[in-house]
Amino acid sequence: MRIGALEAGGTKMVMGIFDGEGQSLETETIPTRAPEKTVPELIDWFRREKIDALGIGTFGPVNLKKDSPSYGTITSTPKAGWRGYPLLTMLTDALNVPAAIDTDVNAAAIAECRMGAAKDCRSAVYVTVGTGIGAGIVVNGEPVHGLVHPEVGHMLMRPHPLDPMPQGVCPYHESCLEGLASGPALSKRAGRSAEELPDGDPIFTLEANYLAQMCVNLILTVSPEKIMIGGGVLQRSFMLDRIRKITVELLGGYVQAPEVNARIDRYIVLPKLFPISGLIGAYLLGREALTGEKE
């Protein structure tokens, strides 16, 4: 059994091959360019690897309604050339193997819930903070799909009073989470890459506040048993503790749960499988498409 896995991101495509036991056999990464250049490369690689099934975790938004004629199509993405692109159809028509698709963050959430930091949790949220901000929500072991898939990155925020850019950078909404706390938002405030900033830069106070607001909103609406936050900015060791502290302050004692009030350090955590959570989740989707069984 050879399961193909694709984590389709806005800047890069990560491809993998796994055996039936989940062992990684091969990986390859290519840049995400226009679909007419990128997708033929994906097809050629998976053909050479002779896969039996394919799982896809993709950037979005993406149509996940299985009864829709446009199932598996990228929808309102700002990514040039990809809006309206039928990603699932293009890959399955060329490869002729069983396949499944979900968002990249849902794939990562599935992996973390079955094999990682949220193993044995009935509900959890996985958030990734990067060029954009997305979240996968798992309830009773299944990713949440509703009217569309959850768009946590575009929840509206209360701008911090010291934020010099309270409108944010999102082309769709003013003062949404992604517009205020994504990598491009940090860089625009700083006038340079956020990676170059010292730990003491006040921009990280704003960042922690917005991510804590997100955690509060998730706790009060989804009520997950665990929140996992991954991405480059979370690699700064002080960030997670700062987010936890502000989350508790913003909740103001309203939520009476020991997980929040006494064990916040075990409630808001880093993902265990990062940075390959999404690729592992794509493998799990592909394996299920082939066998009908969950890992």
C-alpha atoms as a PDB file:
ATOM      1  CA  MET A   1       0.000   0.000   0.000  1.00  0.00           C
ATOM      2  CA  ARG A   2       1.383   3.372  -1.087  1.00  0.00           C
ATOM      3  CA  ILE A   3      -0.596   6.403   0.033  1.00  0.00           C
ATOM      4  CA  GLY A   4       0.119   9.759  -1.572  1.00  0.00           C
ATOM      5  CA  ALA A   5      -0.209  12.849   0.604  1.00  0.00           C
ATOM      6  CA  LEU A   6      -0.327  16.436  -0.572  1.00  0.00           C
ATOM      7  CA  GLU A   7      -0.185  19.495   1.654  1.00  0.00           C
ATOM      8  CA  ALA A   8      -1.060  22.243  -0.792  1.00  0.00           C
ATOM      9  CA  GLY A   9       0.042  25.578   0.611  1.00  0.00           C
ATOM     10  CA  GLY A  10      -0.002  29.104  -0.676  1.00  0.00           C
ATOM     11  CA  THR A  11       3.793  29.232  -1.002  1.00  0.00           C
ATOM     12  CA  LYS A  12       4.790  25.585  -1.389  1.00  0.00           C
ATOM     13  CA  MET A  13       3.429  22.148  -2.205  1.00  0.00           C
ATOM     14  CA  VAL A  14       4.647  19.348   0.038  1.00  0.00           C
ATOM     15  CA  MET A  15       4.213  15.840  -1.362  1.00  0.00           C
ATOM     16  CA  GLY A  16       4.712  12.607   0.517  1.00  0.00           C
ATOM     17  CA  ILE A  17       4.435   8.861   0.168  1.00  0.00           C
ATOM     18  CA  PHE A  18       3.469   6.701   3.158  1.00  0.00           C
ATOM     19  CA  ASP A  19       3.095   2.976   3.568  1.00  0.00           C
ATOM     20  CA  GLY A  20       0.010   1.380   5.085  1.00  0.00           C
ATOM     21  CA  GLU A  21       1.466   1.717   8.584  1.00  0.00           C
ATOM     22  CA  GLY A  22       2.018   5.433   8.266  1.00  0.00           C
ATOM     23  CA  GLN A  23       5.762   5.329   7.739  1.00  0.00           C
ATOM     24  CA  SER A  24       7.075   8.085   5.496  1.00  0.00           C
ATOM     25  CA  LEU A  25       8.794   6.666   2.412  1.00  0.00           C
ATOM     26  CA  GLU A  26       9.487   9.781   0.348  1.00  0.00           C
ATOM     27  CA  THR A  27       8.866  13.528   0.394  1.00  0.00           C
ATOM     28  CA  GLU A  28       9.291  16.316  -2.131  1.00  0.00           C
ATOM     29  CA  THR A  29       8.609  20.057  -2.056  1.00  0.00           C
ATOM     30  CA  ILE A  30       7.976  22.427  -4.944  1.00  0.00           C
ATOM     31  CA  PRO A  31       6.981  26.100  -4.984  1.00  0.00           C
ATOM     32  CA  THR A  32       3.330  26.994  -5.504  1.00  0.00           C
ATOM     33  CA  ARG A  33       3.132  28.790  -8.819  1.00  0.00           C
ATOM     34  CA  ALA A  34       0.215  29.175 -11.216  1.00  0.00           C
ATOM     35  CA  PRO A  35      -1.894  25.984 -11.330  1.00  0.00           C
ATOM     36  CA  GLU A  36      -1.046  25.275 -14.977  1.00  0.00           C
ATOM     37  CA  LYS A  37       2.601  24.990 -13.949  1.00  0.00           C
ATOM     38  CA  THR A  38       2.234  23.486 -10.481  1.00  0.00           C
ATOM     39  CA  VAL A  39      -0.386  20.783 -10.970  1.00  0.00           C
ATOM     40  CA  PRO A  40       1.384  18.954 -13.846  1.00  0.00           C
ATOM     41  CA  GLU A  41       4.444  18.683 -11.587  1.00  0.00           C
ATOM     42  CA  LEU A  42       2.298  17.169  -8.840  1.00  0.00           C
ATOM     43  CA  ILE A  43       0.736  14.695 -11.241  1.00  0.00           C
ATOM     44  CA  ASP A  44       4.087  13.622 -12.692  1.00  0.00           C
ATOM     45  CA  TRP A  45       5.559  13.039  -9.229  1.00  0.00           C
ATOM     46  CA  PHE A  46       2.657  10.978  -7.910  1.00  0.00           C
ATOM     47  CA  ARG A  47       2.533   8.969 -11.150  1.00  0.00           C
ATOM     48  CA  ARG A  48       6.194   8.070 -10.787  1.00  0.00           C
ATOM     49  CA  GLU A  49       5.568   6.965  -7.214  1.00  0.00           C
ATOM     50  CA  LYS A  50       2.722   4.633  -8.285  1.00  0.00           C
ATOM     51  CA  ILE A  51       0.319   5.548  -5.491  1.00  0.00           C
ATOM     52  CA  ASP A  52      -2.798   3.575  -4.562  1.00  0.00           C
ATOM     53  CA  ALA A  53      -4.695   6.552  -3.111  1.00  0.00           C
ATOM     54  CA  LEU A  54      -4.265  10.271  -2.493  1.00  0.00           C
ATOM     55  CA  GLY A  55      -5.105  12.536   0.442  1.00  0.00           C
ATOM     56  CA  ILE A  56      -5.090  16.302  -0.013  1.00  0.00           C
ATOM     57  CA  GLY A  57      -4.949  19.036   2.599  1.00  0.00           C
ATOM     58  CA  THR A  58      -5.208  22.327   0.749  1.00  0.00           C
ATOM     59  CA  PHE A  59      -5.184  26.051   1.318  1.00  0.00           C
ATOM     60  CA  GLY A  60      -8.620  27.506   0.904  1.00  0.00           C
ATOM     61  CA  PRO A  61     -11.312  28.407   0.920  1.00  0.00           C
ATOM     62  CA  VAL A  62     -12.304  25.151  -0.794  1.00  0.00           C
ATOM     63  CA  ASN A  63     -15.681  23.585  -1.559  1.00  0.00           C
ATOM     64  CA  LEU A  64     -16.030  20.523   0.681  1.00  0.00           C
ATOM     65  CA  LYS A  65     -19.644  19.617  -0.121  1.00  0.00           C
ATOM     66  CA  LYS A  66     -19.360  16.107  -1.579  1.00  0.00           C
ATOM     67  CA  ASP A  67     -22.689  16.377  -3.430  1.00  0.00           C
ATOM     68  CA  SER A  68     -21.653  19.598  -5.168  1.00  0.00           C
ATOM     69  CA  PRO A  69     -20.547  19.603  -8.844  1.00  0.00           C
ATOM     70  CA  SER A  70     -17.629  21.791  -7.764  1.00  0.00           C
ATOM     71  CA  TYR A  71     -16.530  19.604  -4.834  1.00  0.00           C
ATOM     72  CA  GLY A  72     -12.811  20.009  -4.255  1.00  0.00           C
ATOM     73  CA  THR A  73     -12.617  23.379  -6.040  1.00  0.00           C
ATOM     74  CA  ILE A  74     -10.655  26.304  -4.589  1.00  0.00           C
ATOM     75  CA  THR A  75     -13.109  29.172  -4.145  1.00  0.00           C
ATOM     76  CA  SER A  76     -12.468  32.778  -3.013  1.00  0.00           C
ATOM     77  CA  THR A  77      -8.729  32.601  -2.454  1.00  0.00           C
ATOM     78  CA  PRO A  78      -6.647  35.727  -3.076  1.00  0.00           C
ATOM     79  CA  LYS A  79      -3.931  33.418  -4.460  1.00  0.00           C
ATOM     80  CA  ALA A  80      -3.431  34.503  -8.073  1.00  0.00           C
ATOM     81  CA  GLY A  81      -4.688  31.994 -10.639  1.00  0.00           C
ATOM     82  CA  TRP A  82      -6.190  29.554  -8.142  1.00  0.00           C
ATOM     83  CA  ARG A  83      -9.645  31.055  -7.652  1.00  0.00           C
ATOM     84  CA  GLY A  84     -12.196  28.587  -9.028  1.00  0.00           C
ATOM     85  CA  TYR A  85      -9.558  25.942  -9.726  1.00  0.00           C
ATOM     86  CA  PRO A  86     -10.907  22.322  -9.551  1.00  0.00           C
ATOM     87  CA  LEU A  87      -7.934  20.869  -7.690  1.00  0.00           C
ATOM     88  CA  LEU A  88      -9.451  17.531  -6.687  1.00  0.00           C
ATOM     89  CA  THR A  89     -10.910  16.836 -10.133  1.00  0.00           C
ATOM     90  CA  MET A  90      -7.681  17.682 -11.926  1.00  0.00           C
ATOM     91  CA  LEU A  91      -5.666  15.321  -9.736  1.00  0.00           C
ATOM     92  CA  THR A  92      -8.108  12.411  -9.629  1.00  0.00           C
ATOM     93  CA  ASP A  93      -8.811  12.532 -13.371  1.00  0.00           C
ATOM     94  CA  ALA A  94      -5.089  12.291 -14.046  1.00  0.00           C
ATOM     95  CA  LEU A  95      -4.139   9.753 -11.358  1.00  0.00           C
ATOM     96  CA  ASN A  96      -7.294   7.601 -11.330  1.00  0.00           C
ATOM     97  CA  VAL A  97      -6.999   6.598  -7.660  1.00  0.00           C
ATOM     98  CA  PRO A  98      -9.333   6.997  -4.657  1.00  0.00           C
ATOM     99  CA  ALA A  99      -8.853  10.433  -3.127  1.00  0.00           C
ATOM    100  CA  ALA A 100     -10.105  12.675  -0.357  1.00  0.00           C
ATOM    101  CA  ILE A 101      -9.688  16.393   0.229  1.00  0.00           C
ATOM    102  CA  ASP A 102      -9.998  18.773   3.153  1.00  0.00           C
ATOM    103  CA  THR A 103      -8.429  22.041   4.233  1.00  0.00           C
ATOM    104  CA  ASP A 104      -4.780  21.966   5.218  1.00  0.00           C
ATOM    105  CA  VAL A 105      -5.671  22.985   8.766  1.00  0.00           C
ATOM    106  CA  ASN A 106      -8.396  20.349   9.056  1.00  0.00           C
ATOM    107  CA  ALA A 107      -5.863  17.765   7.892  1.00  0.00           C
ATOM    108  CA  ALA A 108      -3.433  18.974  10.542  1.00  0.00           C
ATOM    109  CA  ALA A 109      -6.157  18.906  13.193  1.00  0.00           C
ATOM    110  CA  ILE A 110      -7.056  15.316  12.266  1.00  0.00           C
ATOM    111  CA  ALA A 111      -3.413  14.273  12.595  1.00  0.00           C
ATOM    112  CA  GLU A 112      -2.959  15.985  15.956  1.00  0.00           C
ATOM    113  CA  CYS A 113      -6.185  14.489  17.322  1.00  0.00           C
ATOM    114  CA  ARG A 114      -5.350  10.944  16.242  1.00  0.00           C
ATOM    115  CA  MET A 115      -1.596  10.905  16.734  1.00  0.00           C
ATOM    116  CA  GLY A 116      -0.382  14.135  18.333  1.00  0.00           C
ATOM    117  CA  ALA A 117      -0.948  16.763  21.002  1.00  0.00           C
ATOM    118  CA  ALA A 118      -4.730  16.245  21.170  1.00  0.00           C
ATOM    119  CA  LYS A 119      -4.706  12.462  21.072  1.00  0.00           C
ATOM    120  CA  ASP A 120      -7.736  11.076  22.936  1.00  0.00           C
ATOM    121  CA  CYS A 121      -9.487  14.454  22.967  1.00  0.00           C
ATOM    122  CA  ARG A 122     -13.057  14.404  21.685  1.00  0.00           C
ATOM    123  CA  SER A 123     -12.765  17.987  20.447  1.00  0.00           C
ATOM    124  CA  ALA A 124      -9.840  20.214  19.614  1.00  0.00           C
ATOM    125  CA  VAL A 125      -8.795  23.170  17.475  1.00  0.00           C
ATOM    126  CA  TYR A 126      -5.580  23.431  15.482  1.00  0.00           C
ATOM    127  CA  VAL A 127      -4.540  26.966  14.472  1.00  0.00           C
ATOM    128  CA  THR A 128      -1.701  27.860  12.145  1.00  0.00           C
ATOM    129  CA  VAL A 129      -0.294  31.389  12.049  1.00  0.00           C
ATOM    130  CA  GLY A 130       1.694  32.239   8.953  1.00  0.00           C
ATOM    131  CA  THR A 131       1.056  34.053   5.674  1.00  0.00           C
ATOM    132  CA  GLY A 132      -2.584  33.559   6.611  1.00  0.00           C
ATOM    133  CA  ILE A 133      -4.330  32.265   9.698  1.00  0.00           C
ATOM    134  CA  GLY A 134      -6.480  29.161   9.516  1.00  0.00           C
ATOM    135  CA  ALA A 135      -7.935  26.691  11.971  1.00  0.00           C
ATOM    136  CA  GLY A 136      -9.160  23.146  11.823  1.00  0.00           C
ATOM    137  CA  ILE A 137     -11.892  22.184  14.265  1.00  0.00           C
ATOM    138  CA  VAL A 138     -12.447  18.540  15.202  1.00  0.00           C
ATOM    139  CA  VAL A 139     -15.520  17.430  17.156  1.00  0.00           C
ATOM    140  CA  ASN A 140     -16.092  13.775  18.077  1.00  0.00           C
ATOM    141  CA  GLY A 141     -13.125  12.821  15.934  1.00  0.00           C
ATOM    142  CA  GLU A 142     -14.426  14.474  12.746  1.00  0.00           C
ATOM    143  CA  PRO A 143     -13.490  17.806  11.155  1.00  0.00           C
ATOM    144  CA  VAL A 144     -16.274  20.357  11.222  1.00  0.00           C
ATOM    145  CA  HIS A 145     -17.909  21.096   7.866  1.00  0.00           C
ATOM    146  CA  GLY A 146     -21.017  23.218   7.854  1.00  0.00           C
ATOM    147  CA  LEU A 147     -22.354  25.885   5.540  1.00  0.00           C
ATOM    148  CA  VAL A 148     -18.698  26.177   4.532  1.00  0.00           C
ATOM    149  CA  HIS A 149     -15.648  25.113   6.506  1.00  0.00           C
ATOM    150  CA  PRO A 150     -14.836  27.267   9.561  1.00  0.00           C
ATOM    151  CA  GLU A 151     -12.879  30.440   8.767  1.00  0.00           C
ATOM    152  CA  VAL A 152     -11.375  31.269  12.141  1.00  0.00           C
ATOM    153  CA  GLY A 153      -8.789  33.522  10.521  1.00  0.00           C
ATOM    154  CA  HIS A 154     -11.499  35.968   9.536  1.00  0.00           C
ATOM    155  CA  MET A 155     -13.251  36.323  12.879  1.00  0.00           C
ATOM    156  CA  LEU A 156     -13.517  40.010  13.762  1.00  0.00           C
ATOM    157  CA  MET A 157     -11.217  41.340  16.472  1.00  0.00           C
ATOM    158  CA  ARG A 158     -11.314  44.213  18.942  1.00  0.00           C
ATOM    159  CA  PRO A 159      -8.282  46.271  17.829  1.00  0.00           C
ATOM    160  CA  HIS A 160      -5.690  46.872  20.526  1.00  0.00           C
ATOM    161  CA  PRO A 161      -5.654  50.557  21.584  1.00  0.00           C
ATOM    162  CA  LEU A 162      -1.908  50.790  20.820  1.00  0.00           C
ATOM    163  CA  ASP A 163      -2.133  49.187  17.384  1.00  0.00           C
ATOM    164  CA  PRO A 164      -0.927  51.682  14.732  1.00  0.00           C
ATOM    165  CA  MET A 165      -2.690  49.610  12.043  1.00  0.00           C
ATOM    166  CA  PRO A 166      -6.110  48.743  13.544  1.00  0.00           C
ATOM    167  CA  GLN A 167      -7.734  48.101  10.182  1.00  0.00           C
ATOM    168  CA  GLY A 168      -5.303  45.254   9.359  1.00  0.00           C
ATOM    169  CA  VAL A 169      -4.221  44.041   5.930  1.00  0.00           C
ATOM    170  CA  CYS A 170      -7.035  41.670   4.911  1.00  0.00           C
ATOM    171  CA  PRO A 171      -8.484  42.561   1.474  1.00  0.00           C
ATOM    172  CA  TYR A 172     -11.922  41.311   2.572  1.00  0.00           C
ATOM    173  CA  HIS A 173     -12.450  42.582   6.133  1.00  0.00           C
ATOM    174  CA  GLU A 174     -11.222  45.320   8.411  1.00  0.00           C
ATOM    175  CA  SER A 175      -9.924  44.263  11.829  1.00  0.00           C
ATOM    176  CA  CYS A 176     -10.141  40.506  11.307  1.00  0.00           C
ATOM    177  CA  LEU A 177      -7.713  38.089  12.939  1.00  0.00           C
ATOM    178  CA  GLU A 178      -5.748  37.320   9.774  1.00  0.00           C
ATOM    179  CA  GLY A 179      -5.572  40.983   8.852  1.00  0.00           C
ATOM    180  CA  LEU A 180      -4.185  41.886  12.276  1.00  0.00           C
ATOM    181  CA  ALA A 181      -2.056  38.913  13.311  1.00  0.00           C
ATOM    182  CA  SER A 182      -0.765  37.132  10.187  1.00  0.00           C
ATOM    183  CA  GLY A 183       2.847  37.318   9.048  1.00  0.00           C
ATOM    184  CA  PRO A 184       2.122  40.046   6.469  1.00  0.00           C
ATOM    185  CA  ALA A 185       0.403  42.132   9.167  1.00  0.00           C
ATOM    186  CA  LEU A 186       3.438  41.893  11.440  1.00  0.00           C
ATOM    187  CA  SER A 187       5.787  42.769   8.579  1.00  0.00           C
ATOM    188  CA  LYS A 188       3.730  45.744   7.431  1.00  0.00           C
ATOM    189  CA  ARG A 189       3.715  47.249  10.929  1.00  0.00           C
ATOM    190  CA  ALA A 190       7.436  46.675  11.314  1.00  0.00           C
ATOM    191  CA  GLY A 191       8.453  47.721   7.819  1.00  0.00           C
ATOM    192  CA  ARG A 192      10.566  44.564   7.587  1.00  0.00           C
ATOM    193  CA  SER A 193      10.288  40.822   8.090  1.00  0.00           C
ATOM    194  CA  ALA A 194       8.943  39.855  11.503  1.00  0.00           C
ATOM    195  CA  GLU A 195      11.751  37.305  11.732  1.00  0.00           C
ATOM    196  CA  GLU A 196      14.203  40.198  12.104  1.00  0.00           C
ATOM    197  CA  LEU A 197      12.461  41.703  15.128  1.00  0.00           C
ATOM    198  CA  PRO A 198      13.885  41.305  18.643  1.00  0.00           C
ATOM    199  CA  ASP A 199      11.785  39.462  21.223  1.00  0.00           C
ATOM    200  CA  GLY A 200      11.108  42.698  23.101  1.00  0.00           C
ATOM    201  CA  ASP A 201       9.452  44.434  20.152  1.00  0.00           C
ATOM    202  CA  PRO A 202       5.972  45.732  21.139  1.00  0.00           C
ATOM    203  CA  ILE A 203       4.530  44.144  18.007  1.00  0.00           C
ATOM    204  CA  PHE A 204       4.579  40.813  19.840  1.00  0.00           C
ATOM    205  CA  THR A 205       2.402  42.264  22.594  1.00  0.00           C
ATOM    206  CA  LEU A 206      -0.202  43.058  19.938  1.00  0.00           C
ATOM    207  CA  GLU A 207       0.202  39.605  18.415  1.00  0.00           C
ATOM    208  CA  ALA A 208      -0.315  37.834  21.739  1.00  0.00           C
ATOM    209  CA  ASN A 209      -3.404  39.926  22.433  1.00  0.00           C
ATOM    210  CA  TYR A 210      -5.030  39.055  19.110  1.00  0.00           C
ATOM    211  CA  LEU A 211      -4.244  35.353  19.423  1.00  0.00           C
ATOM    212  CA  ALA A 212      -5.594  35.405  22.984  1.00  0.00           C
ATOM    213  CA  GLN A 213      -8.799  37.042  21.741  1.00  0.00           C
ATOM    214  CA  MET A 214      -9.028  34.190  19.240  1.00  0.00           C
ATOM    215  CA  CYS A 215      -8.611  31.616  22.021  1.00  0.00           C
ATOM    216  CA  VAL A 216     -11.330  33.290  24.087  1.00  0.00           C
ATOM    217  CA  ASN A 217     -13.723  33.278  21.136  1.00  0.00           C
ATOM    218  CA  LEU A 218     -12.998  29.595  20.462  1.00  0.00           C
ATOM    219  CA  ILE A 219     -13.460  28.650  24.114  1.00  0.00           C
ATOM    220  CA  LEU A 220     -16.788  30.469  24.302  1.00  0.00           C
ATOM    221  CA  THR A 221     -18.169  29.159  21.001  1.00  0.00           C
ATOM    222  CA  VAL A 222     -16.584  25.783  20.185  1.00  0.00           C
ATOM    223  CA  SER A 223     -15.597  24.830  23.756  1.00  0.00           C
ATOM    224  CA  PRO A 224     -12.741  22.564  22.625  1.00  0.00           C
ATOM    225  CA  GLU A 225     -10.845  20.291  24.983  1.00  0.00           C
ATOM    226  CA  LYS A 226      -7.544  21.573  23.607  1.00  0.00           C
ATOM    227  CA  ILE A 227      -6.255  24.445  21.484  1.00  0.00           C
ATOM    228  CA  MET A 228      -3.045  23.955  19.494  1.00  0.00           C
ATOM    229  CA  ILE A 229      -1.288  26.906  17.863  1.00  0.00           C
ATOM    230  CA  GLY A 230       1.511  26.436  15.349  1.00  0.00           C
ATOM    231  CA  GLY A 231       3.461  28.637  12.962  1.00  0.00           C
ATOM    232  CA  GLY A 232       6.645  30.630  12.830  1.00  0.00           C
ATOM    233  CA  VAL A 233       5.759  33.277  15.422  1.00  0.00           C
ATOM    234  CA  LEU A 234       5.019  30.530  17.965  1.00  0.00           C
ATOM    235  CA  GLN A 235       8.625  29.369  17.734  1.00  0.00           C
ATOM    236  CA  ARG A 236       9.501  32.305  19.993  1.00  0.00           C
ATOM    237  CA  SER A 237       9.433  30.625  23.374  1.00  0.00           C
ATOM    238  CA  PHE A 238       7.754  33.484  25.260  1.00  0.00           C
ATOM    239  CA  MET A 239       4.729  33.763  22.952  1.00  0.00           C
ATOM    240  CA  LEU A 240       2.694  30.813  24.165  1.00  0.00           C
ATOM    241  CA  ASP A 241       2.886  31.828  27.839  1.00  0.00           C
ATOM    242  CA  ARG A 242       1.913  35.369  26.922  1.00  0.00           C
ATOM    243  CA  ILE A 243      -1.109  34.137  24.957  1.00  0.00           C
ATOM    244  CA  ARG A 244      -2.174  31.892  27.850  1.00  0.00           C
ATOM    245  CA  LYS A 245      -1.907  34.728  30.376  1.00  0.00           C
ATOM    246  CA  ILE A 246      -3.960  37.176  28.307  1.00  0.00           C
ATOM    247  CA  THR A 247      -6.547  34.493  27.519  1.00  0.00           C
ATOM    248  CA  VAL A 248      -7.181  33.926  31.231  1.00  0.00           C
ATOM    249  CA  GLU A 249      -7.364  37.678  31.839  1.00  0.00           C
ATOM    250  CA  LEU A 250      -9.847  38.206  29.007  1.00  0.00           C
ATOM    251  CA  LEU A 251     -12.066  35.355  30.196  1.00  0.00           C
ATOM    252  CA  GLY A 252     -12.321  37.146  33.546  1.00  0.00           C
ATOM    253  CA  GLY A 253     -13.212  34.015  35.501  1.00  0.00           C
ATOM    254  CA  TYR A 254     -16.381  33.395  33.488  1.00  0.00           C
ATOM    255  CA  VAL A 255     -15.468  29.877  32.338  1.00  0.00           C
ATOM    256  CA  GLN A 256     -15.308  27.658  35.387  1.00  0.00           C
ATOM    257  CA  ALA A 257     -13.140  24.829  34.112  1.00  0.00           C
ATOM    258  CA  PRO A 258      -9.862  23.685  35.699  1.00  0.00           C
ATOM    259  CA  GLU A 259      -8.360  23.208  32.226  1.00  0.00           C
ATOM    260  CA  VAL A 260      -8.492  26.983  31.805  1.00  0.00           C
ATOM    261  CA  ASN A 261      -8.105  28.236  35.358  1.00  0.00           C
ATOM    262  CA  ALA A 262      -5.496  25.814  36.706  1.00  0.00           C
ATOM    263  CA  ARG A 263      -4.017  23.933  33.748  1.00  0.00           C
ATOM    264  CA  ILE A 264      -3.859  26.513  30.978  1.00  0.00           C
ATOM    265  CA  ASP A 265      -0.291  25.369  30.183  1.00  0.00           C
ATOM    266  CA  ARG A 266      -1.730  22.004  29.143  1.00  0.00           C
ATOM    267  CA  TYR A 267      -4.764  23.490  27.417  1.00  0.00           C
ATOM    268  CA  ILE A 268      -3.242  25.972  24.945  1.00  0.00           C
ATOM    269  CA  VAL A 269      -0.258  24.093  23.538  1.00  0.00           C
ATOM    270  CA  LEU A 270       2.049  23.704  20.573  1.00  0.00           C
ATOM    271  CA  PRO A 271       1.163  20.969  18.069  1.00  0.00           C
ATOM    272  CA  LYS A 272       3.206  17.810  18.561  1.00  0.00           C
ATOM    273  CA  LEU A 273       3.572  16.905  14.878  1.00  0.00           C
ATOM    274  CA  PHE A 274       4.493  20.392  13.573  1.00  0.00           C
ATOM    275  CA  PRO A 275       5.744  21.128  10.931  1.00  0.00           C
ATOM    276  CA  ILE A 276       4.360  18.023   9.187  1.00  0.00           C
ATOM    277  CA  SER A 277       0.944  17.837  10.866  1.00  0.00           C
ATOM    278  CA  GLY A 278      -0.791  18.702   7.607  1.00  0.00           C
ATOM    279  CA  LEU A 279       1.117  16.131   5.555  1.00  0.00           C
ATOM    280  CA  ILE A 280       0.362  13.383   8.079  1.00  0.00           C
ATOM    281  CA  GLY A 281      -3.280  14.433   8.054  1.00  0.00           C
ATOM    282  CA  ALA A 282      -3.313  14.218   4.256  1.00  0.00           C
ATOM    283  CA  TYR A 283      -1.956  10.657   4.528  1.00  0.00           C
ATOM    284  CA  LEU A 284      -4.771   9.791   6.948  1.00  0.00           C
ATOM    285  CA  LEU A 285      -7.329  11.190   4.495  1.00  0.00           C
ATOM    286  CA  GLY A 286      -5.822   9.145   1.649  1.00  0.00           C
ATOM    287  CA  ARG A 287      -5.691   5.975   3.699  1.00  0.00           C
ATOM    288  CA  GLU A 288      -9.331   6.371   4.651  1.00  0.00           C
ATOM    289  CA  ALA A 289     -10.268   6.978   0.997  1.00  0.00           C
ATOM    290  CA  LEU A 290      -8.643   3.662   0.093  1.00  0.00           C
ATOM    291  CA  THR A 291      -9.657   1.435   2.969  1.00  0.00           C
ATOM    292  CA  GLY A 292     -12.689   3.145   4.488  1.00  0.00           C
ATOM    293  CA  GLU A 293     -10.993   2.841   7.869  1.00  0.00           C
ATOM    294  CA  LYS A 294      -9.755   5.549  10.207  1.00  0.00           C
ATOM    295  CA  GLU A 295      -6.243   5.230  11.617  1.00  0.00           C
END
